[in-house]
């Protein structure tokens, strides 16, 4: 299964007026890690726009917190890729989520996921 982890620090720009990480940052951080994974797999991140993003918040991250975001490809469909991701400090989960991205051509039309991705990922087909 293709996966990637990144250590991230919650910066001042990431927080709301109360000092907690703004909810929108969860998907931003996950997308950054996803794009790092796709670049490592030598695939263009801009060819995989979002179809669905789901986030569950378990605890608030605060300004200055350092956490590890883990992301893995959980499924590959005909035209889509499903990622599962979570943010942890030690064994404690702060948020977790799921992203469905669709592979598209230059005109934004969905296309079959490239064989080059399938060959690099040990993942069940949906």
N, C-alpha and C. Protein backbone atom coordinates (compact mmCIF):
# COMPACT_ATOMS: atom_id res chain seq x y z
N UNK A 1 0.85 -1.17 0.00
CA UNK A 1 0.00 0.00 0.00
C UNK A 1 0.89 1.23 0.00
N UNK A 2 0.65 2.16 -0.89
CA UNK A 2 1.44 3.39 -0.95
C UNK A 2 1.02 4.31 0.20
N UNK A 3 2.01 4.82 0.91
CA UNK A 3 1.71 5.70 2.03
C UNK A 3 2.84 6.70 2.21
N UNK A 4 2.54 7.74 3.00
CA UNK A 4 3.53 8.75 3.30
C UNK A 4 3.17 9.39 4.63
N UNK A 5 4.19 9.79 5.38
CA UNK A 5 3.98 10.54 6.61
C UNK A 5 4.83 11.80 6.56
N UNK A 6 4.32 12.83 7.21
CA UNK A 6 5.04 14.10 7.31
C UNK A 6 4.81 14.67 8.70
N UNK A 7 5.86 15.23 9.28
CA UNK A 7 5.73 15.95 10.53
C UNK A 7 5.38 17.40 10.21
N UNK A 8 4.39 17.93 10.92
CA UNK A 8 3.87 19.27 10.65
C UNK A 8 3.76 20.03 11.97
N UNK A 9 4.07 21.31 11.94
CA UNK A 9 3.89 22.18 13.10
C UNK A 9 2.72 23.13 12.81
N UNK A 10 1.85 23.31 13.78
CA UNK A 10 0.74 24.25 13.64
C UNK A 10 1.31 25.66 13.78
N UNK A 11 1.22 26.43 12.72
CA UNK A 11 1.75 27.80 12.70
C UNK A 11 0.65 28.79 13.05
N UNK A 12 1.05 30.01 13.35
CA UNK A 12 0.09 31.06 13.73
C UNK A 12 -0.97 31.27 12.64
N UNK A 13 -0.57 31.24 11.38
CA UNK A 13 -1.50 31.45 10.28
C UNK A 13 -2.55 30.33 10.19
N UNK A 14 -2.29 29.18 10.83
CA UNK A 14 -3.18 28.02 10.77
C UNK A 14 -4.28 28.04 11.82
N UNK A 15 -4.23 28.98 12.76
CA UNK A 15 -5.14 28.93 13.90
C UNK A 15 -6.23 30.00 13.82
N UNK A 16 -7.30 29.75 14.58
CA UNK A 16 -8.39 30.73 14.69
C UNK A 16 -8.09 31.69 15.84
N UNK A 17 -9.01 32.56 16.14
CA UNK A 17 -8.81 33.57 17.18
C UNK A 17 -8.57 32.99 18.56
N UNK A 18 -8.99 31.76 18.78
CA UNK A 18 -8.79 31.12 20.08
C UNK A 18 -7.51 30.32 20.19
N UNK A 19 -6.71 30.30 19.11
CA UNK A 19 -5.44 29.58 19.13
C UNK A 19 -5.52 28.12 18.72
N UNK A 20 -6.71 27.64 18.34
CA UNK A 20 -6.87 26.25 17.87
C UNK A 20 -6.73 26.23 16.35
N UNK A 21 -6.22 25.13 15.83
CA UNK A 21 -6.08 24.98 14.38
C UNK A 21 -7.45 25.13 13.73
N UNK A 22 -7.53 25.96 12.70
CA UNK A 22 -8.79 26.15 11.97
C UNK A 22 -9.16 24.85 11.29
N UNK A 23 -10.45 24.51 11.29
CA UNK A 23 -10.91 23.24 10.73
C UNK A 23 -10.48 23.04 9.27
N UNK A 24 -10.38 24.11 8.51
CA UNK A 24 -10.03 23.97 7.09
C UNK A 24 -8.61 23.47 6.87
N UNK A 25 -7.76 23.59 7.87
CA UNK A 25 -6.36 23.18 7.72
C UNK A 25 -6.21 21.67 7.60
N UNK A 26 -7.13 20.90 8.14
CA UNK A 26 -7.01 19.44 8.07
C UNK A 26 -6.91 18.97 6.62
N UNK A 27 -7.80 19.45 5.77
CA UNK A 27 -7.77 19.02 4.37
C UNK A 27 -6.58 19.63 3.63
N UNK A 28 -6.16 20.83 4.01
CA UNK A 28 -4.98 21.45 3.39
C UNK A 28 -3.73 20.61 3.70
N UNK A 29 -3.55 20.26 4.96
CA UNK A 29 -2.39 19.45 5.34
C UNK A 29 -2.43 18.08 4.65
N UNK A 30 -3.61 17.45 4.61
CA UNK A 30 -3.72 16.14 3.95
C UNK A 30 -3.38 16.25 2.47
N UNK A 31 -3.83 17.31 1.83
CA UNK A 31 -3.55 17.48 0.41
C UNK A 31 -2.06 17.69 0.15
N UNK A 32 -1.39 18.42 1.03
CA UNK A 32 0.07 18.59 0.89
C UNK A 32 0.80 17.26 0.94
N UNK A 33 0.39 16.40 1.87
CA UNK A 33 1.02 15.08 1.99
C UNK A 33 0.66 14.22 0.78
N UNK A 34 -0.58 14.29 0.34
CA UNK A 34 -1.01 13.56 -0.87
C UNK A 34 -0.15 13.98 -2.07
N UNK A 35 0.04 15.27 -2.25
CA UNK A 35 0.84 15.75 -3.39
C UNK A 35 2.29 15.31 -3.28
N UNK A 36 2.82 15.26 -2.08
CA UNK A 36 4.18 14.74 -1.90
C UNK A 36 4.26 13.28 -2.32
N UNK A 37 3.24 12.50 -1.94
CA UNK A 37 3.20 11.09 -2.33
C UNK A 37 3.12 10.96 -3.85
N UNK A 38 2.23 11.72 -4.49
CA UNK A 38 2.10 11.63 -5.94
C UNK A 38 3.40 12.03 -6.65
N UNK A 39 4.07 13.07 -6.15
CA UNK A 39 5.35 13.45 -6.76
C UNK A 39 6.37 12.35 -6.59
N UNK A 40 6.39 11.70 -5.42
CA UNK A 40 7.31 10.58 -5.19
C UNK A 40 7.01 9.44 -6.16
N UNK A 41 5.73 9.25 -6.48
CA UNK A 41 5.32 8.21 -7.43
C UNK A 41 5.45 8.67 -8.89
N UNK A 42 5.97 9.89 -9.07
CA UNK A 42 6.19 10.50 -10.39
C UNK A 42 4.88 10.67 -11.16
N UNK A 43 3.86 11.15 -10.44
CA UNK A 43 2.56 11.44 -11.04
C UNK A 43 2.22 12.91 -10.81
N UNK A 44 1.49 13.54 -11.73
CA UNK A 44 1.17 14.96 -11.60
C UNK A 44 0.02 15.20 -10.60
N UNK A 45 0.29 15.86 -9.47
CA UNK A 45 -0.78 16.09 -8.49
C UNK A 45 -1.96 16.88 -9.05
N UNK A 46 -1.73 17.74 -10.03
CA UNK A 46 -2.82 18.56 -10.56
C UNK A 46 -3.82 17.76 -11.41
N UNK A 47 -3.55 16.49 -11.63
CA UNK A 47 -4.46 15.64 -12.40
C UNK A 47 -5.42 14.85 -11.51
N UNK A 48 -5.39 15.12 -10.20
CA UNK A 48 -6.22 14.38 -9.24
C UNK A 48 -7.04 15.35 -8.38
N UNK A 49 -8.03 16.07 -8.96
CA UNK A 49 -8.83 16.99 -8.15
C UNK A 49 -9.75 16.23 -7.18
N UNK A 50 -10.20 16.95 -6.15
CA UNK A 50 -11.08 16.38 -5.12
C UNK A 50 -12.45 16.06 -5.70
N UNK A 51 -12.99 14.95 -5.28
CA UNK A 51 -14.40 14.60 -5.54
C UNK A 51 -15.17 14.67 -4.22
N UNK A 52 -14.50 14.23 -3.14
CA UNK A 52 -15.12 14.24 -1.82
C UNK A 52 -14.02 14.31 -0.77
N UNK A 53 -14.27 15.08 0.29
CA UNK A 53 -13.36 15.14 1.44
C UNK A 53 -14.21 15.02 2.69
N UNK A 54 -13.84 14.09 3.56
CA UNK A 54 -14.54 13.89 4.83
C UNK A 54 -13.52 14.00 5.95
N UNK A 55 -13.88 14.71 7.02
CA UNK A 55 -12.98 14.88 8.16
C UNK A 55 -13.75 14.65 9.45
N UNK A 56 -13.14 13.90 10.36
CA UNK A 56 -13.64 13.75 11.72
C UNK A 56 -12.62 14.38 12.66
N UNK A 57 -13.10 15.27 13.52
CA UNK A 57 -12.22 15.94 14.48
C UNK A 57 -12.38 15.29 15.84
N UNK A 58 -11.25 14.89 16.43
CA UNK A 58 -11.26 14.18 17.71
C UNK A 58 -10.80 15.09 18.85
N UNK A 59 -9.80 15.89 18.59
CA UNK A 59 -9.26 16.86 19.57
C UNK A 59 -8.73 18.04 18.79
N UNK A 60 -8.65 19.18 19.45
CA UNK A 60 -8.13 20.38 18.79
C UNK A 60 -6.61 20.42 18.86
N UNK A 61 -6.00 20.71 17.72
CA UNK A 61 -4.58 21.04 17.70
C UNK A 61 -4.45 22.52 18.01
N UNK A 62 -3.36 22.90 18.67
CA UNK A 62 -3.16 24.27 19.09
C UNK A 62 -1.91 24.83 18.44
N UNK A 63 -1.82 26.15 18.42
CA UNK A 63 -0.64 26.83 17.91
C UNK A 63 0.61 26.23 18.54
N UNK A 64 1.58 25.87 17.70
CA UNK A 64 2.84 25.31 18.16
C UNK A 64 2.89 23.80 18.26
N UNK A 65 1.72 23.14 18.23
CA UNK A 65 1.73 21.67 18.29
C UNK A 65 2.47 21.09 17.09
N UNK A 66 3.20 20.02 17.33
CA UNK A 66 3.84 19.26 16.25
C UNK A 66 3.15 17.91 16.18
N UNK A 67 2.70 17.55 14.99
CA UNK A 67 1.99 16.29 14.82
C UNK A 67 2.49 15.59 13.57
N UNK A 68 2.14 14.32 13.45
CA UNK A 68 2.48 13.53 12.28
C UNK A 68 1.21 13.26 11.50
N UNK A 69 1.22 13.63 10.22
CA UNK A 69 0.09 13.32 9.35
C UNK A 69 0.49 12.12 8.49
N UNK A 70 -0.30 11.06 8.59
CA UNK A 70 -0.09 9.83 7.82
C UNK A 70 -1.18 9.72 6.78
N UNK A 71 -0.80 9.37 5.56
CA UNK A 71 -1.76 9.25 4.46
C UNK A 71 -1.43 7.98 3.70
N UNK A 72 -2.46 7.25 3.32
CA UNK A 72 -2.25 6.05 2.50
C UNK A 72 -3.32 5.94 1.43
N UNK A 73 -2.94 5.34 0.33
CA UNK A 73 -3.92 5.00 -0.70
C UNK A 73 -4.62 3.74 -0.23
N UNK A 74 -5.93 3.82 -0.06
CA UNK A 74 -6.66 2.65 0.44
C UNK A 74 -7.35 1.89 -0.68
N UNK A 75 -7.72 2.60 -1.77
CA UNK A 75 -8.39 1.94 -2.88
C UNK A 75 -8.10 2.69 -4.17
N UNK A 76 -8.13 1.94 -5.26
CA UNK A 76 -8.04 2.55 -6.59
C UNK A 76 -9.23 2.03 -7.39
N UNK A 77 -10.02 2.96 -7.91
CA UNK A 77 -11.16 2.60 -8.74
C UNK A 77 -10.82 2.75 -10.21
N UNK A 78 -11.82 2.74 -11.05
CA UNK A 78 -11.60 2.91 -12.48
C UNK A 78 -11.00 4.27 -12.79
N UNK A 79 -11.56 5.33 -12.16
CA UNK A 79 -11.08 6.69 -12.41
C UNK A 79 -10.69 7.42 -11.12
N UNK A 80 -10.79 6.75 -9.98
CA UNK A 80 -10.58 7.45 -8.71
C UNK A 80 -9.56 6.76 -7.81
N UNK A 81 -9.07 7.56 -6.86
CA UNK A 81 -8.15 7.09 -5.83
C UNK A 81 -8.73 7.53 -4.49
N UNK A 82 -8.75 6.61 -3.53
CA UNK A 82 -9.24 6.92 -2.19
C UNK A 82 -8.06 6.93 -1.23
N UNK A 83 -7.93 8.03 -0.49
CA UNK A 83 -6.89 8.19 0.51
C UNK A 83 -7.52 8.19 1.90
N UNK A 84 -6.86 7.54 2.85
CA UNK A 84 -7.22 7.64 4.25
C UNK A 84 -6.07 8.36 4.94
N UNK A 85 -6.39 9.24 5.89
CA UNK A 85 -5.34 10.00 6.55
C UNK A 85 -5.72 10.35 7.98
N UNK A 86 -4.68 10.58 8.79
CA UNK A 86 -4.92 10.95 10.18
C UNK A 86 -3.75 11.76 10.71
N UNK A 87 -4.06 12.57 11.72
CA UNK A 87 -3.05 13.39 12.40
C UNK A 87 -2.93 12.88 13.83
N UNK A 88 -1.69 12.60 14.24
CA UNK A 88 -1.46 12.05 15.58
C UNK A 88 -0.32 12.77 16.27
N UNK A 89 -0.44 12.81 17.56
CA UNK A 89 0.69 13.14 18.43
C UNK A 89 0.83 11.91 19.32
N UNK A 90 1.95 11.23 19.17
CA UNK A 90 2.15 9.92 19.80
C UNK A 90 1.02 9.01 19.33
N UNK A 91 0.26 8.43 20.24
CA UNK A 91 -0.82 7.52 19.85
C UNK A 91 -2.19 8.19 19.81
N UNK A 92 -2.23 9.49 20.09
CA UNK A 92 -3.51 10.19 20.15
C UNK A 92 -3.88 10.79 18.79
N UNK A 93 -5.09 10.46 18.32
CA UNK A 93 -5.58 10.97 17.04
C UNK A 93 -6.27 12.31 17.27
N UNK A 94 -5.88 13.32 16.47
CA UNK A 94 -6.49 14.64 16.57
C UNK A 94 -7.54 14.85 15.49
N UNK A 95 -7.29 14.36 14.28
CA UNK A 95 -8.31 14.34 13.24
C UNK A 95 -7.99 13.21 12.29
N UNK A 96 -9.01 12.75 11.58
CA UNK A 96 -8.84 11.70 10.58
C UNK A 96 -9.77 12.01 9.41
N UNK A 97 -9.42 11.48 8.25
CA UNK A 97 -10.25 11.80 7.10
C UNK A 97 -10.09 10.84 5.94
N UNK A 98 -10.88 11.15 4.94
CA UNK A 98 -10.92 10.34 3.72
C UNK A 98 -11.09 11.30 2.56
N UNK A 99 -10.29 11.12 1.53
CA UNK A 99 -10.39 11.92 0.31
C UNK A 99 -10.58 11.00 -0.88
N UNK A 100 -11.51 11.37 -1.75
CA UNK A 100 -11.66 10.69 -3.03
C UNK A 100 -11.23 11.70 -4.09
N UNK A 101 -10.24 11.32 -4.89
CA UNK A 101 -9.75 12.17 -5.97
C UNK A 101 -9.96 11.43 -7.29
N UNK A 102 -10.26 12.19 -8.33
CA UNK A 102 -10.54 11.61 -9.64
C UNK A 102 -9.43 12.01 -10.60
N UNK A 103 -8.94 11.07 -11.37
CA UNK A 103 -7.92 11.37 -12.37
C UNK A 103 -8.60 12.04 -13.56
N UNK A 104 -8.05 13.17 -14.04
CA UNK A 104 -8.64 13.91 -15.15
C UNK A 104 -7.61 14.20 -16.24
N UNK A 105 -8.12 14.48 -17.44
CA UNK A 105 -7.27 14.87 -18.56
C UNK A 105 -7.10 16.39 -18.57
N UNK A 106 -6.49 16.92 -19.63
CA UNK A 106 -6.24 18.36 -19.74
C UNK A 106 -7.52 19.20 -19.72
N UNK A 107 -8.63 18.63 -20.17
CA UNK A 107 -9.90 19.35 -20.20
C UNK A 107 -10.73 19.13 -18.93
N UNK A 108 -10.19 18.39 -17.98
CA UNK A 108 -10.91 18.15 -16.72
C UNK A 108 -11.90 17.01 -16.76
N UNK A 109 -11.85 16.19 -17.81
CA UNK A 109 -12.74 15.03 -17.90
C UNK A 109 -12.09 13.85 -17.19
N UNK A 110 -12.92 13.07 -16.47
CA UNK A 110 -12.36 11.91 -15.78
C UNK A 110 -11.86 10.88 -16.79
N UNK A 111 -10.77 10.26 -16.41
CA UNK A 111 -10.11 9.25 -17.25
C UNK A 111 -9.68 8.09 -16.36
N UNK A 112 -9.39 6.92 -16.94
CA UNK A 112 -8.91 5.80 -16.13
C UNK A 112 -7.62 6.16 -15.39
N UNK A 113 -7.55 5.69 -14.15
CA UNK A 113 -6.33 5.89 -13.36
C UNK A 113 -5.17 5.26 -14.13
N UNK A 114 -4.06 5.98 -14.24
CA UNK A 114 -2.92 5.46 -15.03
C UNK A 114 -2.40 4.13 -14.50
N UNK A 115 -2.04 3.26 -15.44
CA UNK A 115 -1.44 1.98 -15.07
C UNK A 115 -0.16 2.19 -14.28
N UNK A 116 0.53 3.32 -14.53
CA UNK A 116 1.76 3.59 -13.79
C UNK A 116 1.49 3.72 -12.29
N UNK A 117 0.30 4.22 -11.91
CA UNK A 117 -0.05 4.28 -10.49
C UNK A 117 -0.43 2.90 -10.00
N UNK A 118 -1.25 2.20 -10.74
CA UNK A 118 -1.65 0.85 -10.32
C UNK A 118 -0.45 -0.06 -10.10
N UNK A 119 0.55 0.05 -10.96
CA UNK A 119 1.72 -0.83 -10.84
C UNK A 119 2.57 -0.49 -9.62
N UNK A 120 2.43 0.73 -9.09
CA UNK A 120 3.23 1.16 -7.93
C UNK A 120 2.51 0.97 -6.61
N UNK A 121 1.23 0.62 -6.68
CA UNK A 121 0.41 0.55 -5.48
C UNK A 121 -0.17 -0.84 -5.33
N UNK A 122 0.03 -1.43 -4.16
CA UNK A 122 -0.58 -2.71 -3.86
C UNK A 122 -1.90 -2.41 -3.16
N UNK A 123 -2.97 -2.24 -3.94
CA UNK A 123 -4.25 -1.80 -3.39
C UNK A 123 -5.39 -2.52 -4.10
N UNK A 124 -6.47 -2.84 -3.36
CA UNK A 124 -7.60 -3.50 -4.02
C UNK A 124 -8.31 -2.54 -4.98
N UNK A 125 -8.83 -3.10 -6.05
CA UNK A 125 -9.59 -2.31 -7.03
C UNK A 125 -11.04 -2.24 -6.58
N UNK A 126 -11.63 -1.04 -6.71
CA UNK A 126 -13.06 -0.90 -6.33
C UNK A 126 -13.89 -0.71 -7.57
